[in-house]
Amino acid sequence: MLHPAVWLLLVLVPLASPPLAQEPLPERAASPGWTDLAGAWTCRLDPDDAGDRERWWAAPLDGVQVPLPGTTDLAGLGHRLDPGTMSYGVPLVEGTWPGTAGVERVDEAGHLVRESFYLGRAWF
């Protein structure tokens, strides 16, 4: 079974394209039961998994505005890549990318890298 944070990445990665000019909604999106979620959303990263415990859902969310569709990386959230060391300053765990657990330079594993890296829960 995949780690919950991997599921978050699987949901956000397909949204990785930069926001485009607002296009007409597909025909199915205008039908009953469909809601367009594109727009500015408040996002707060939850690396310590404190949101439920601290009841973040009970009050307006304190965070930053991010455009959706989009990703935490495109919004500049998370750990920034240091181009000199090609590291994010946080240890990569198995399951982040195949073959990256324990590597110091993320480019050594042969994967594309992002400007920012975040693996964890995020509240919108």
Protein backbone atom coordinates (compact mmCIF):
# COMPACT_ATOMS: atom_id res chain seq x y z
CA MET A 1 0.00 0.00 0.00
CA LEU A 2 1.28 3.46 -0.87
CA HIS A 3 2.19 5.96 1.83
CA PRO A 4 -0.53 8.68 2.14
CA ALA A 5 1.95 11.34 1.10
CA VAL A 6 2.60 9.46 -2.16
CA TRP A 7 -1.12 9.62 -2.87
CA LEU A 8 -0.91 13.40 -2.43
CA LEU A 9 1.87 13.53 -5.02
CA LEU A 10 -0.12 11.33 -7.37
CA VAL A 11 -2.99 13.79 -7.14
CA LEU A 12 -0.88 16.93 -7.54
CA VAL A 13 1.59 15.82 -10.23
CA PRO A 14 -1.03 15.67 -13.00
CA LEU A 15 -1.83 19.29 -12.16
CA ALA A 16 1.79 20.31 -12.75
CA SER A 17 1.19 22.27 -15.94
CA PRO A 18 1.30 26.04 -15.51
CA PRO A 19 -2.09 27.72 -15.31
CA LEU A 20 -3.42 28.60 -18.74
CA ALA A 21 -5.82 31.31 -19.74
CA GLN A 22 -9.28 30.37 -18.54
CA GLU A 23 -10.73 28.03 -21.14
CA PRO A 24 -14.39 27.16 -21.50
CA LEU A 25 -15.39 24.27 -19.27
CA PRO A 26 -15.72 20.91 -20.97
CA GLU A 27 -19.30 19.99 -21.68
CA ARG A 28 -19.38 17.45 -18.83
CA ALA A 29 -18.14 20.06 -16.32
CA ALA A 30 -21.23 22.17 -16.93
CA SER A 31 -23.50 19.24 -16.10
CA PRO A 32 -25.09 18.63 -12.69
CA GLY A 33 -22.67 17.14 -10.18
CA TRP A 34 -19.54 18.79 -11.61
CA THR A 35 -17.85 21.75 -9.94
CA ASP A 36 -14.99 23.78 -11.40
CA LEU A 37 -12.28 24.03 -8.70
CA ALA A 38 -9.92 26.28 -10.69
CA GLY A 39 -8.97 29.52 -8.97
CA ALA A 40 -7.03 30.93 -6.04
CA TRP A 41 -7.00 28.68 -2.97
CA THR A 42 -5.44 29.11 0.46
CA CYS A 43 -2.86 26.39 1.13
CA ARG A 44 -1.07 25.49 4.35
CA LEU A 45 1.54 22.77 4.48
CA ASP A 46 1.25 20.34 7.38
CA PRO A 47 4.63 18.55 7.66
CA ASP A 48 4.04 17.66 11.33
CA ASP A 49 0.52 16.31 10.72
CA ALA A 50 -0.88 18.82 13.22
CA GLY A 51 -3.94 19.99 11.27
CA ASP A 52 -6.41 17.45 12.63
CA ARG A 53 -5.07 17.67 16.17
CA GLU A 54 -5.13 21.49 16.15
CA ARG A 55 -8.50 21.61 14.36
CA TRP A 56 -7.35 23.70 11.39
CA TRP A 57 -10.64 22.87 9.72
CA ALA A 58 -12.62 24.73 12.40
CA ALA A 59 -11.47 28.24 11.39
CA PRO A 60 -10.42 30.09 8.24
CA LEU A 61 -7.16 28.57 7.05
CA ASP A 62 -4.00 30.59 7.69
CA GLY A 63 -1.82 29.99 4.65
CA VAL A 64 -0.73 31.32 1.27
CA GLN A 65 -2.74 31.81 -1.89
CA VAL A 66 -1.95 29.30 -4.64
CA PRO A 67 -3.49 28.95 -8.10
CA LEU A 68 -5.29 25.72 -8.95
CA PRO A 69 -4.78 23.82 -11.07
CA GLY A 70 -1.18 23.80 -9.92
CA THR A 71 1.26 22.15 -7.55
CA THR A 72 3.00 23.06 -4.33
CA ASP A 73 6.21 23.24 -6.38
CA LEU A 74 4.79 25.76 -8.87
CA ALA A 75 3.53 27.81 -5.93
CA GLY A 76 7.06 27.86 -4.46
CA LEU A 77 6.07 25.91 -1.36
CA GLY A 78 8.24 23.30 0.33
CA HIS A 79 11.98 22.80 0.56
CA ARG A 80 13.94 24.75 -2.08
CA LEU A 81 16.47 22.93 -4.25
CA ASP A 82 20.04 24.07 -3.69
CA PRO A 83 21.54 23.98 -7.23
CA GLY A 84 25.07 23.84 -5.78
CA THR A 85 24.49 20.61 -3.88
CA MET A 86 21.43 19.39 -5.82
CA SER A 87 19.73 18.63 -2.51
CA TYR A 88 16.58 19.82 -0.78
CA GLY A 89 18.05 19.89 2.71
CA VAL A 90 15.74 17.11 3.91
CA PRO A 91 16.36 13.37 3.77
CA LEU A 92 14.57 11.55 0.97
CA VAL A 93 12.79 8.43 2.13
CA GLU A 94 12.17 5.27 0.13
CA GLY A 95 9.10 5.85 -1.98
CA THR A 96 9.87 9.51 -2.68
CA TRP A 97 11.32 8.52 -6.04
CA PRO A 98 12.56 5.00 -6.79
CA GLY A 99 16.24 4.71 -5.95
CA THR A 100 16.59 8.03 -4.12
CA ALA A 101 16.56 6.87 -0.49
CA GLY A 102 19.88 7.84 1.04
CA VAL A 103 21.24 9.77 -1.97
CA GLU A 104 22.65 13.21 -1.28
CA ARG A 105 22.28 14.59 -4.81
CA VAL A 106 18.82 14.06 -6.28
CA ASP A 107 20.18 14.28 -9.82
CA GLU A 108 22.33 11.17 -9.21
CA ALA A 109 19.24 8.96 -9.24
CA GLY A 110 18.52 9.98 -12.86
CA HIS A 111 15.23 11.74 -12.13
CA LEU A 112 14.08 15.19 -13.11
CA VAL A 113 14.18 17.61 -10.22
CA ARG A 114 11.83 20.39 -9.15
CA GLU A 115 12.61 23.82 -7.72
CA SER A 116 10.74 22.92 -4.53
CA PHE A 117 10.04 19.61 -2.86
CA TYR A 118 7.33 18.80 -0.37
CA LEU A 119 6.17 15.39 0.76
CA GLY A 120 3.39 15.51 3.31
CA ARG A 121 -0.09 16.74 3.97
CA ALA A 122 -1.37 20.04 2.69
CA TRP A 123 -4.62 21.76 3.61
CA PHE A 124 -6.64 23.78 1.11
